Amino acid sequence: AGARGVVATLTLAVRSRGLCGLVTCTRTHHVRLPRPLEVGPRP
């Protein structure tokens, strides 16, 4: 957890190396959480 706040969406990357592993493709996905992550301040 980073800064205080409510995190409703996670950013994840998906990588594939194709059939022969010659080229790596990366696509970013924004995944919405069914229940947000609530980050309170550290006392």
PDB file of all heavy atoms in Angstrom:
ATOM      1  N   ALA A   1       0.828  -1.198   0.000  1.00  0.00           N
ATOM      2  CA  ALA A   1       0.000   0.000   0.000  1.00  0.00           C
ATOM      3  C   ALA A   1       0.865   1.251   0.000  1.00  0.00           C
ATOM      4  O   ALA A   1       1.842   1.343   0.748  1.00  0.00           O
ATOM      5  CB  ALA A   1      -0.931   0.002   1.207  1.00  0.00           C
ATOM      6  N   GLY A   2       0.498   2.195  -0.828  1.00  0.00           N
ATOM      7  CA  GLY A   2       1.229   3.451  -0.902  1.00  0.00           C
ATOM      8  C   GLY A   2       0.558   4.521  -0.071  1.00  0.00           C
ATOM      9  O   GLY A   2       0.360   4.372   1.133  1.00  0.00           O
ATOM     10  N   ALA A   3       0.167   5.598  -0.718  1.00  0.00           N
ATOM     11  CA  ALA A   3      -0.417   6.730  -0.005  1.00  0.00           C
ATOM     12  C   ALA A   3      -1.830   6.412   0.467  1.00  0.00           C
ATOM     13  O   ALA A   3      -2.512   5.537  -0.065  1.00  0.00           O
ATOM     14  CB  ALA A   3      -0.422   7.962  -0.907  1.00  0.00           C
ATOM     15  N   ARG A   4      -2.272   7.143   1.477  1.00  0.00           N
ATOM     16  CA  ARG A   4      -3.631   7.031   1.994  1.00  0.00           C
ATOM     17  C   ARG A   4      -4.638   7.280   0.877  1.00  0.00           C
ATOM     18  O   ARG A   4      -4.451   8.135   0.019  1.00  0.00           O
ATOM     19  CB  ARG A   4      -3.819   8.071   3.108  1.00  0.00           C
ATOM     20  CG  ARG A   4      -5.210   8.129   3.721  1.00  0.00           C
ATOM     21  CD  ARG A   4      -5.305   9.320   4.663  1.00  0.00           C
ATOM     22  NE  ARG A   4      -5.123  10.581   3.957  1.00  0.00           N
ATOM     23  CZ  ARG A   4      -6.100  11.228   3.335  1.00  0.00           C
ATOM     24  NH1 ARG A   4      -7.335  10.746   3.324  1.00  0.00           N
ATOM     25  NH2 ARG A   4      -5.849  12.369   2.725  1.00  0.00           N
ATOM     26  N   GLY A   5      -5.734   6.553   0.903  1.00  0.00           N
ATOM     27  CA  GLY A   5      -6.770   6.753  -0.095  1.00  0.00           C
ATOM     28  C   GLY A   5      -7.514   5.459  -0.390  1.00  0.00           C
ATOM     29  O   GLY A   5      -7.322   4.447   0.277  1.00  0.00           O
ATOM     30  N   VAL A   6      -8.380   5.515  -1.384  1.00  0.00           N
ATOM     31  CA  VAL A   6      -9.187   4.363  -1.797  1.00  0.00           C
ATOM     32  C   VAL A   6      -8.745   3.953  -3.195  1.00  0.00           C
ATOM     33  O   VAL A   6      -8.781   4.762  -4.125  1.00  0.00           O
ATOM     34  CB  VAL A   6     -10.691   4.688  -1.778  1.00  0.00           C
ATOM     35  CG1 VAL A   6     -11.510   3.490  -2.243  1.00  0.00           C
ATOM     36  CG2 VAL A   6     -11.127   5.120  -0.377  1.00  0.00           C
ATOM     37  N   VAL A   7      -8.320   2.697  -3.338  1.00  0.00           N
ATOM     38  CA  VAL A   7      -7.854   2.173  -4.623  1.00  0.00           C
ATOM     39  C   VAL A   7      -8.964   1.307  -5.206  1.00  0.00           C
ATOM     40  O   VAL A   7      -9.261   0.234  -4.681  1.00  0.00           O
ATOM     41  CB  VAL A   7      -6.558   1.355  -4.460  1.00  0.00           C
ATOM     42  CG1 VAL A   7      -6.095   0.809  -5.809  1.00  0.00           C
ATOM     43  CG2 VAL A   7      -5.472   2.194  -3.812  1.00  0.00           C
ATOM     44  N   ALA A   8      -9.577   1.780  -6.300  1.00  0.00           N
ATOM     45  CA  ALA A   8     -10.659   1.040  -6.932  1.00  0.00           C
ATOM     46  C   ALA A   8     -10.188   0.244  -8.140  1.00  0.00           C
ATOM     47  O   ALA A   8     -10.868  -0.696  -8.562  1.00  0.00           O
ATOM     48  CB  ALA A   8     -11.782   1.997  -7.353  1.00  0.00           C
ATOM     49  N   THR A   9      -9.038   0.596  -8.717  1.00  0.00           N
ATOM     50  CA  THR A   9      -8.543  -0.037  -9.937  1.00  0.00           C
ATOM     51  C   THR A   9      -7.062  -0.351  -9.800  1.00  0.00           C
ATOM     52  O   THR A   9      -6.287   0.485  -9.332  1.00  0.00           O
ATOM     53  CB  THR A   9      -8.772   0.875 -11.154  1.00  0.00           C
ATOM     54  OG1 THR A   9     -10.163   1.176 -11.268  1.00  0.00           O
ATOM     55  CG2 THR A   9      -8.317   0.197 -12.435  1.00  0.00           C
ATOM     56  N   LEU A  10      -6.670  -1.557 -10.202  1.00  0.00           N
ATOM     57  CA  LEU A  10      -5.274  -1.957 -10.233  1.00  0.00           C
ATOM     58  C   LEU A  10      -4.754  -1.910 -11.667  1.00  0.00           C
ATOM     59  O   LEU A  10      -5.477  -2.236 -12.606  1.00  0.00           O
ATOM     60  CB  LEU A  10      -5.094  -3.373  -9.697  1.00  0.00           C
ATOM     61  CG  LEU A  10      -5.330  -3.612  -8.204  1.00  0.00           C
ATOM     62  CD1 LEU A  10      -5.111  -5.080  -7.876  1.00  0.00           C
ATOM     63  CD2 LEU A  10      -4.414  -2.738  -7.363  1.00  0.00           C
ATOM     64  N   THR A  11      -3.504  -1.522 -11.836  1.00  0.00           N
ATOM     65  CA  THR A  11      -2.857  -1.534 -13.139  1.00  0.00           C
ATOM     66  C   THR A  11      -1.917  -2.733 -13.207  1.00  0.00           C
ATOM     67  O   THR A  11      -0.980  -2.840 -12.418  1.00  0.00           O
ATOM     68  CB  THR A  11      -2.065  -0.233 -13.366  1.00  0.00           C
ATOM     69  OG1 THR A  11      -2.958   0.878 -13.301  1.00  0.00           O
ATOM     70  CG2 THR A  11      -1.398  -0.245 -14.729  1.00  0.00           C
ATOM     71  N   LEU A  12      -2.191  -3.652 -14.132  1.00  0.00           N
ATOM     72  CA  LEU A  12      -1.394  -4.852 -14.305  1.00  0.00           C
ATOM     73  C   LEU A  12      -0.947  -4.961 -15.754  1.00  0.00           C
ATOM     74  O   LEU A  12      -1.653  -4.530 -16.669  1.00  0.00           O
ATOM     75  CB  LEU A  12      -2.191  -6.105 -13.923  1.00  0.00           C
ATOM     76  CG  LEU A  12      -2.730  -6.166 -12.489  1.00  0.00           C
ATOM     77  CD1 LEU A  12      -3.612  -7.393 -12.312  1.00  0.00           C
ATOM     78  CD2 LEU A  12      -1.581  -6.206 -11.487  1.00  0.00           C
ATOM     79  N   ALA A  13       0.223  -5.532 -15.973  1.00  0.00           N
ATOM     80  CA  ALA A  13       0.745  -5.743 -17.319  1.00  0.00           C
ATOM     81  C   ALA A  13       0.696  -7.226 -17.658  1.00  0.00           C
ATOM     82  O   ALA A  13       0.991  -8.079 -16.819  1.00  0.00           O
ATOM     83  CB  ALA A  13       2.171  -5.224 -17.423  1.00  0.00           C
ATOM     84  N   VAL A  14       0.300  -7.528 -18.904  1.00  0.00           N
ATOM     85  CA  VAL A  14       0.271  -8.902 -19.407  1.00  0.00           C
ATOM     86  C   VAL A  14       1.307  -9.012 -20.519  1.00  0.00           C
ATOM     87  O   VAL A  14       1.284  -8.236 -21.479  1.00  0.00           O
ATOM     88  CB  VAL A  14      -1.126  -9.268 -19.943  1.00  0.00           C
ATOM     89  CG1 VAL A  14      -1.122 -10.679 -20.514  1.00  0.00           C
ATOM     90  CG2 VAL A  14      -2.162  -9.157 -18.835  1.00  0.00           C
ATOM     91  N   ARG A  15       2.199 -10.001 -20.410  1.00  0.00           N
ATOM     92  CA  ARG A  15       3.261 -10.176 -21.399  1.00  0.00           C
ATOM     93  C   ARG A  15       3.165 -11.547 -22.058  1.00  0.00           C
ATOM     94  O   ARG A  15       2.887 -12.548 -21.400  1.00  0.00           O
ATOM     95  CB  ARG A  15       4.638 -10.025 -20.746  1.00  0.00           C
ATOM     96  CG  ARG A  15       4.947  -8.610 -20.316  1.00  0.00           C
ATOM     97  CD  ARG A  15       6.293  -8.532 -19.630  1.00  0.00           C
ATOM     98  NE  ARG A  15       6.556  -7.159 -19.176  1.00  0.00           N
ATOM     99  CZ  ARG A  15       7.538  -6.813 -18.353  1.00  0.00           C
ATOM    100  NH1 ARG A  15       8.348  -7.750 -17.876  1.00  0.00           N
ATOM    101  NH2 ARG A  15       7.716  -5.557 -17.999  1.00  0.00           N
ATOM    102  N   SER A  16       3.402 -11.569 -23.352  1.00  0.00           N
ATOM    103  CA  SER A  16       3.436 -12.812 -24.115  1.00  0.00           C
ATOM    104  C   SER A  16       4.679 -12.814 -24.996  1.00  0.00           C
ATOM    105  O   SER A  16       5.033 -11.786 -25.591  1.00  0.00           O
ATOM    106  CB  SER A  16       2.183 -12.953 -24.980  1.00  0.00           C
ATOM    107  OG  SER A  16       2.304 -14.045 -25.882  1.00  0.00           O
ATOM    108  N   ARG A  17       5.304 -13.995 -25.137  1.00  0.00           N
ATOM    109  CA  ARG A  17       6.483 -14.137 -25.986  1.00  0.00           C
ATOM    110  C   ARG A  17       6.163 -14.863 -27.292  1.00  0.00           C
ATOM    111  O   ARG A  17       7.054 -15.403 -27.944  1.00  0.00           O
ATOM    112  CB  ARG A  17       7.592 -14.868 -25.227  1.00  0.00           C
ATOM    113  CG  ARG A  17       8.074 -14.128 -23.990  1.00  0.00           C
ATOM    114  CD  ARG A  17       9.261 -14.798 -23.362  1.00  0.00           C
ATOM    115  NE  ARG A  17      10.410 -14.763 -24.262  1.00  0.00           N
ATOM    116  CZ  ARG A  17      11.578 -15.348 -23.995  1.00  0.00           C
ATOM    117  NH1 ARG A  17      11.718 -16.030 -22.862  1.00  0.00           N
ATOM    118  NH2 ARG A  17      12.583 -15.282 -24.849  1.00  0.00           N
ATOM    119  N   GLY A  18       4.894 -14.852 -27.668  1.00  0.00           N
ATOM    120  CA  GLY A  18       4.506 -15.445 -28.939  1.00  0.00           C
ATOM    121  C   GLY A  18       4.689 -16.944 -28.958  1.00  0.00           C
ATOM    122  O   GLY A  18       4.763 -17.613 -27.930  1.00  0.00           O
ATOM    123  N   LEU A  19       4.777 -17.516 -30.182  1.00  0.00           N
ATOM    124  CA  LEU A  19       4.906 -18.959 -30.337  1.00  0.00           C
ATOM    125  C   LEU A  19       6.342 -19.424 -30.181  1.00  0.00           C
ATOM    126  O   LEU A  19       6.604 -20.507 -29.658  1.00  0.00           O
ATOM    127  CB  LEU A  19       4.373 -19.392 -31.707  1.00  0.00           C
ATOM    128  CG  LEU A  19       2.869 -19.166 -31.942  1.00  0.00           C
ATOM    129  CD1 LEU A  19       2.511 -19.551 -33.377  1.00  0.00           C
ATOM    130  CD2 LEU A  19       2.044 -19.982 -30.959  1.00  0.00           C
ATOM    131  N   CYS A  20       7.281 -18.652 -30.662  1.00  0.00           N
ATOM    132  CA  CYS A  20       8.685 -19.066 -30.674  1.00  0.00           C
ATOM    133  C   CYS A  20       9.542 -18.292 -29.691  1.00  0.00           C
ATOM    134  O   CYS A  20      10.746 -18.549 -29.582  1.00  0.00           O
ATOM    135  CB  CYS A  20       9.258 -18.908 -32.085  1.00  0.00           C
ATOM    136  SG  CYS A  20       8.323 -19.808 -33.340  1.00  0.00           S
ATOM    137  N   GLY A  21       8.971 -17.330 -29.007  1.00  0.00           N
ATOM    138  CA  GLY A  21       9.741 -16.540 -28.071  1.00  0.00           C
ATOM    139  C   GLY A  21      10.647 -15.517 -28.711  1.00  0.00           C
ATOM    140  O   GLY A  21      11.620 -15.072 -28.115  1.00  0.00           O
ATOM    141  N   LEU A  22      10.327 -15.135 -29.954  1.00  0.00           N
ATOM    142  CA  LEU A  22      11.163 -14.176 -30.665  1.00  0.00           C
ATOM    143  C   LEU A  22      10.803 -12.730 -30.332  1.00  0.00           C
ATOM    144  O   LEU A  22      11.659 -11.850 -30.370  1.00  0.00           O
ATOM    145  CB  LEU A  22      11.056 -14.393 -32.174  1.00  0.00           C
ATOM    146  CG  LEU A  22      11.487 -15.777 -32.685  1.00  0.00           C
ATOM    147  CD1 LEU A  22      11.293 -15.862 -34.183  1.00  0.00           C
ATOM    148  CD2 LEU A  22      12.934 -16.044 -32.313  1.00  0.00           C
ATOM    149  N   VAL A  23       9.526 -12.475 -30.025  1.00  0.00           N
ATOM    150  CA  VAL A  23       9.050 -11.109 -29.768  1.00  0.00           C
ATOM    151  C   VAL A  23       8.241 -11.111 -28.480  1.00  0.00           C
ATOM    152  O   VAL A  23       7.397 -11.976 -28.275  1.00  0.00           O
ATOM    153  CB  VAL A  23       8.190 -10.577 -30.933  1.00  0.00           C
ATOM    154  CG1 VAL A  23       7.659  -9.187 -30.602  1.00  0.00           C
ATOM    155  CG2 VAL A  23       8.981 -10.561 -32.228  1.00  0.00           C
ATOM    156  N   THR A  24       8.513 -10.159 -27.601  1.00  0.00           N
ATOM    157  CA  THR A  24       7.732  -9.999 -26.367  1.00  0.00           C
ATOM    158  C   THR A  24       6.750  -8.848 -26.534  1.00  0.00           C
ATOM    159  O   THR A  24       7.155  -7.730 -26.855  1.00  0.00           O
ATOM    160  CB  THR A  24       8.650  -9.709 -25.163  1.00  0.00           C
ATOM    161  OG1 THR A  24       9.519 -10.819 -24.955  1.00  0.00           O
ATOM    162  CG2 THR A  24       7.826  -9.469 -23.897  1.00  0.00           C
ATOM    163  N   CYS A  25       5.474  -9.158 -26.324  1.00  0.00           N
ATOM    164  CA  CYS A  25       4.415  -8.143 -26.404  1.00  0.00           C
ATOM    165  C   CYS A  25       3.873  -7.879 -25.003  1.00  0.00           C
ATOM    166  O   CYS A  25       3.604  -8.817 -24.248  1.00  0.00           O
ATOM    167  CB  CYS A  25       3.289  -8.606 -27.308  1.00  0.00           C
ATOM    168  SG  CYS A  25       3.796  -8.857 -29.017  1.00  0.00           S
ATOM    169  N   THR A  26       3.711  -6.620 -24.656  1.00  0.00           N
ATOM    170  CA  THR A  26       3.204  -6.230 -23.341  1.00  0.00           C
ATOM    171  C   THR A  26       2.000  -5.314 -23.515  1.00  0.00           C
ATOM    172  O   THR A  26       2.052  -4.355 -24.288  1.00  0.00           O
ATOM    173  CB  THR A  26       4.289  -5.501 -22.522  1.00  0.00           C
ATOM    174  OG1 THR A  26       5.427  -6.355 -22.384  1.00  0.00           O
ATOM    175  CG2 THR A  26       3.770  -5.127 -21.141  1.00  0.00           C
ATOM    176  N   ARG A  27       0.929  -5.638 -22.788  1.00  0.00           N
ATOM    177  CA  ARG A  27      -0.266  -4.795 -22.821  1.00  0.00           C
ATOM    178  C   ARG A  27      -0.678  -4.489 -21.380  1.00  0.00           C
ATOM    179  O   ARG A  27      -0.714  -5.384 -20.534  1.00  0.00           O
ATOM    180  CB  ARG A  27      -1.409  -5.480 -23.559  1.00  0.00           C
ATOM    181  CG  ARG A  27      -2.687  -4.632 -23.641  1.00  0.00           C
ATOM    182  CD  ARG A  27      -3.710  -5.298 -24.526  1.00  0.00           C
ATOM    183  NE  ARG A  27      -3.242  -5.296 -25.906  1.00  0.00           N
ATOM    184  CZ  ARG A  27      -3.451  -4.291 -26.756  1.00  0.00           C
ATOM    185  NH1 ARG A  27      -4.107  -3.211 -26.358  1.00  0.00           N
ATOM    186  NH2 ARG A  27      -3.025  -4.371 -27.989  1.00  0.00           N
ATOM    187  N   THR A  28      -0.998  -3.229 -21.137  1.00  0.00           N
ATOM    188  CA  THR A  28      -1.420  -2.796 -19.807  1.00  0.00           C
ATOM    189  C   THR A  28      -2.924  -2.943 -19.658  1.00  0.00           C
ATOM    190  O   THR A  28      -3.691  -2.545 -20.534  1.00  0.00           O
ATOM    191  CB  THR A  28      -1.013  -1.332 -19.564  1.00  0.00           C
ATOM    192  OG1 THR A  28       0.413  -1.222 -19.658  1.00  0.00           O
ATOM    193  CG2 THR A  28      -1.455  -0.860 -18.186  1.00  0.00           C
ATOM    194  N   HIS A  29      -3.353  -3.522 -18.528  1.00  0.00           N
ATOM    195  CA  HIS A  29      -4.771  -3.705 -18.222  1.00  0.00           C
ATOM    196  C   HIS A  29      -5.102  -2.959 -16.934  1.00  0.00           C
ATOM    197  O   HIS A  29      -4.344  -3.027 -15.958  1.00  0.00           O
ATOM    198  CB  HIS A  29      -5.107  -5.189 -18.056  1.00  0.00           C
ATOM    199  CG  HIS A  29      -5.051  -5.979 -19.322  1.00  0.00           C
ATOM    200  ND1 HIS A  29      -6.172  -6.399 -19.986  1.00  0.00           N
ATOM    201  CD2 HIS A  29      -3.989  -6.407 -20.056  1.00  0.00           C
ATOM    202  CE1 HIS A  29      -5.816  -7.085 -21.064  1.00  0.00           C
ATOM    203  NE2 HIS A  29      -4.492  -7.093 -21.134  1.00  0.00           N
ATOM    204  N   HIS A  30      -6.219  -2.275 -16.935  1.00  0.00           N
ATOM    205  CA  HIS A  30      -6.722  -1.599 -15.737  1.00  0.00           C
ATOM    206  C   HIS A  30      -7.881  -2.433 -15.202  1.00  0.00           C
ATOM    207  O   HIS A  30      -8.950  -2.510 -15.817  1.00  0.00           O
ATOM    208  CB  HIS A  30      -7.162  -0.177 -16.051  1.00  0.00           C
ATOM    209  CG  HIS A  30      -6.060   0.665 -16.629  1.00  0.00           C
ATOM    210  ND1 HIS A  30      -5.014   1.144 -15.865  1.00  0.00           N
ATOM    211  CD2 HIS A  30      -5.822   1.082 -17.901  1.00  0.00           C
ATOM    212  CE1 HIS A  30      -4.189   1.830 -16.634  1.00  0.00           C
ATOM    213  NE2 HIS A  30      -4.649   1.810 -17.875  1.00  0.00           N
ATOM    214  N   VAL A  31      -7.651  -3.075 -14.067  1.00  0.00           N
ATOM    215  CA  VAL A  31      -8.592  -4.044 -13.517  1.00  0.00           C
ATOM    216  C   VAL A  31      -9.345  -3.418 -12.356  1.00  0.00           C
ATOM    217  O   VAL A  31      -8.733  -3.005 -11.355  1.00  0.00           O
ATOM    218  CB  VAL A  31      -7.852  -5.315 -13.052  1.00  0.00           C
ATOM    219  CG1 VAL A  31      -8.849  -6.367 -12.579  1.00  0.00           C
ATOM    220  CG2 VAL A  31      -6.968  -5.859 -14.163  1.00  0.00           C
ATOM    221  N   ARG A  32     -10.659  -3.350 -12.477  1.00  0.00           N
ATOM    222  CA  ARG A  32     -11.487  -2.771 -11.413  1.00  0.00           C
ATOM    223  C   ARG A  32     -11.747  -3.816 -10.339  1.00  0.00           C
ATOM    224  O   ARG A  32     -12.136  -4.936 -10.623  1.00  0.00           O
ATOM    225  CB  ARG A  32     -12.806  -2.246 -11.978  1.00  0.00           C
ATOM    226  CG  ARG A  32     -13.619  -1.463 -10.956  1.00  0.00           C
ATOM    227  CD  ARG A  32     -14.716  -0.659 -11.614  1.00  0.00           C
ATOM    228  NE  ARG A  32     -15.392   0.200 -10.664  1.00  0.00           N
ATOM    229  CZ  ARG A  32     -14.969   1.391 -10.280  1.00  0.00           C
ATOM    230  NH1 ARG A  32     -13.852   1.862 -10.794  1.00  0.00           N
ATOM    231  NH2 ARG A  32     -15.637   2.107  -9.407  1.00  0.00           N
ATOM    232  N   LEU A  33     -11.533  -3.433  -9.092  1.00  0.00           N
ATOM    233  CA  LEU A  33     -11.714  -4.340  -7.969  1.00  0.00           C
ATOM    234  C   LEU A  33     -13.183  -4.417  -7.571  1.00  0.00           C
ATOM    235  O   LEU A  33     -13.865  -3.382  -7.521  1.00  0.00           O
ATOM    236  CB  LEU A  33     -10.892  -3.879  -6.765  1.00  0.00           C
ATOM    237  CG  LEU A  33      -9.372  -3.844  -6.955  1.00  0.00           C
ATOM    238  CD1 LEU A  33      -8.712  -3.197  -5.745  1.00  0.00           C
ATOM    239  CD2 LEU A  33      -8.828  -5.244  -7.175  1.00  0.00           C
ATOM    240  N   PRO A  34     -13.699  -5.608  -7.281  1.00  0.00           N
ATOM    241  CA  PRO A  34     -15.093  -5.703  -6.824  1.00  0.00           C
ATOM    242  C   PRO A  34     -15.313  -5.006  -5.482  1.00  0.00           C
ATOM    243  O   PRO A  34     -16.392  -4.518  -5.198  1.00  0.00           O
ATOM    244  CB  PRO A  34     -15.331  -7.212  -6.721  1.00  0.00           C
ATOM    245  CG  PRO A  34     -13.969  -7.816  -6.588  1.00  0.00           C
ATOM    246  CD  PRO A  34     -13.050  -6.926  -7.366  1.00  0.00           C
ATOM    247  N   ARG A  35     -14.267  -4.990  -4.650  1.00  0.00           N
ATOM    248  CA  ARG A  35     -14.306  -4.242  -3.399  1.00  0.00           C
ATOM    249  C   ARG A  35     -13.020  -3.444  -3.302  1.00  0.00           C
ATOM    250  O   ARG A  35     -11.927  -4.020  -3.320  1.00  0.00           O
ATOM    251  CB  ARG A  35     -14.433  -5.174  -2.190  1.00  0.00           C
ATOM    252  CG  ARG A  35     -14.503  -4.417  -0.874  1.00  0.00           C
ATOM    253  CD  ARG A  35     -14.795  -5.321   0.288  1.00  0.00           C
ATOM    254  NE  ARG A  35     -14.791  -4.592   1.541  1.00  0.00           N
ATOM    255  CZ  ARG A  35     -15.021  -5.135   2.731  1.00  0.00           C
ATOM    256  NH1 ARG A  35     -15.280  -6.428   2.802  1.00  0.00           N
ATOM    257  NH2 ARG A  35     -15.009  -4.408   3.819  1.00  0.00           N
ATOM    258  N   PRO A  36     -13.106  -2.127  -3.231  1.00  0.00           N
ATOM    259  CA  PRO A  36     -11.892  -1.294  -3.249  1.00  0.00           C
ATOM    260  C   PRO A  36     -10.962  -1.593  -2.084  1.00  0.00           C
ATOM    261  O   PRO A  36     -11.382  -2.066  -1.021  1.00  0.00           O
ATOM    262  CB  PRO A  36     -12.441   0.140  -3.175  1.00  0.00           C
ATOM    263  CG  PRO A  36     -13.861   0.041  -3.611  1.00  0.00           C
ATOM    264  CD  PRO A  36     -14.330  -1.308  -3.166  1.00  0.00           C
ATOM    265  N   LEU A  37      -9.707  -1.294  -2.305  1.00  0.00           N
ATOM    266  CA  LEU A  37      -8.696  -1.358  -1.254  1.00  0.00           C
ATOM    267  C   LEU A  37      -8.686  -0.010  -0.541  1.00  0.00           C
ATOM    268  O   LEU A  37      -8.462   1.030  -1.161  1.00  0.00           O
ATOM    269  CB  LEU A  37      -7.327  -1.657  -1.858  1.00  0.00           C
ATOM    270  CG  LEU A  37      -6.135  -1.633  -0.911  1.00  0.00           C
ATOM    271  CD1 LEU A  37      -6.196  -2.813   0.051  1.00  0.00           C
ATOM    272  CD2 LEU A  37      -4.825  -1.648  -1.688  1.00  0.00           C
ATOM    273  N   GLU A  38      -8.926  -0.023   0.765  1.00  0.00           N
ATOM    274  CA  GLU A  38      -8.982   1.209   1.544  1.00  0.00           C
ATOM    275  C   GLU A  38      -7.706   1.332   2.374  1.00  0.00           C
ATOM    276  O   GLU A  38      -7.429   0.501   3.238  1.00  0.00           O
ATOM    277  CB  GLU A  38     -10.224   1.230   2.426  1.00  0.00           C
ATOM    278  CG  GLU A  38     -11.497   1.085   1.599  1.00  0.00           C
ATOM    279  CD  GLU A  38     -12.747   1.421   2.372  1.00  0.00           C
ATOM    280  OE1 GLU A  38     -12.933   2.596   2.713  1.00  0.00           O
ATOM    281  OE2 GLU A  38     -13.533   0.506   2.630  1.00  0.00           O
ATOM    282  N   VAL A  39      -6.947   2.374   2.073  1.00  0.00           N
ATOM    283  CA  VAL A  39      -5.633   2.573   2.700  1.00  0.00           C
ATOM    284  C   VAL A  39      -5.731   3.723   3.700  1.00  0.00           C
ATOM    285  O   VAL A  39      -5.878   4.883   3.311  1.00  0.00           O
ATOM    286  CB  VAL A  39      -4.556   2.876   1.646  1.00  0.00           C
ATOM    287  CG1 VAL A  39      -3.187   2.999   2.315  1.00  0.00           C
ATOM    288  CG2 VAL A  39      -4.535   1.801   0.563  1.00  0.00           C
ATOM    289  N   GLY A  40      -5.654   3.393   4.966  1.00  0.00           N
ATOM    290  CA  GLY A  40      -5.664   4.415   6.000  1.00  0.00           C
ATOM    291  C   GLY A  40      -4.260   4.932   6.261  1.00  0.00           C
ATOM    292  O   GLY A  40      -3.268   4.325   5.836  1.00  0.00           O
ATOM    293  N   PRO A  41      -4.130   6.060   6.952  1.00  0.00           N
ATOM    294  CA  PRO A  41      -2.794   6.596   7.253  1.00  0.00           C
ATOM    295  C   PRO A  41      -2.111   5.776   8.339  1.00  0.00           C
ATOM    296  O   PRO A  41      -2.770   5.231   9.222  1.00  0.00           O
ATOM    297  CB  PRO A  41      -3.092   8.014   7.735  1.00  0.00           C
ATOM    298  CG  PRO A  41      -4.454   7.907   8.349  1.00  0.00           C
ATOM    299  CD  PRO A  41      -5.205   6.895   7.528  1.00  0.00           C
ATOM    300  N   ARG A  42      -0.809   5.698   8.260  1.00  0.00           N
ATOM    301  CA  ARG A  42      -0.069   5.068   9.350  1.00  0.00           C
ATOM    302  C   ARG A  42      -0.034   6.049  10.525  1.00  0.00           C
ATOM    303  O   ARG A  42       0.288   7.219  10.345  1.00  0.00           O
ATOM    304  CB  ARG A  42       1.345   4.714   8.903  1.00  0.00           C
ATOM    305  CG  ARG A  42       2.148   3.942   9.958  1.00  0.00           C
ATOM    306  CD  ARG A  42       3.315   3.240   9.340  1.00  0.00           C
ATOM    307  NE  ARG A  42       2.877   2.141   8.488  1.00  0.00           N
ATOM    308  CZ  ARG A  42       2.536   0.937   8.921  1.00  0.00           C
ATOM    309  NH1 ARG A  42       2.574   0.677  10.228  1.00  0.00           N
ATOM    310  NH2 ARG A  42       2.157  -0.009   8.087  1.00  0.00           N
ATOM    311  N   PRO A  43      -0.400   5.594  11.736  1.00  0.00           N
ATOM    312  CA  PRO A  43      -0.461   6.516  12.878  1.00  0.00           C
ATOM    313  C   PRO A  43       0.860   7.215  13.137  1.00  0.00           C
ATOM    314  O   PRO A  43       1.930   6.610  13.044  1.00  0.00           O
ATOM    315  CB  PRO A  43      -0.855   5.599  14.039  1.00  0.00           C
ATOM    316  CG  PRO A  43      -1.578   4.459  13.400  1.00  0.00           C
ATOM    317  CD  PRO A  43      -0.889   4.245  12.089  1.00  0.00           C
TER     318      PRO A  43
END
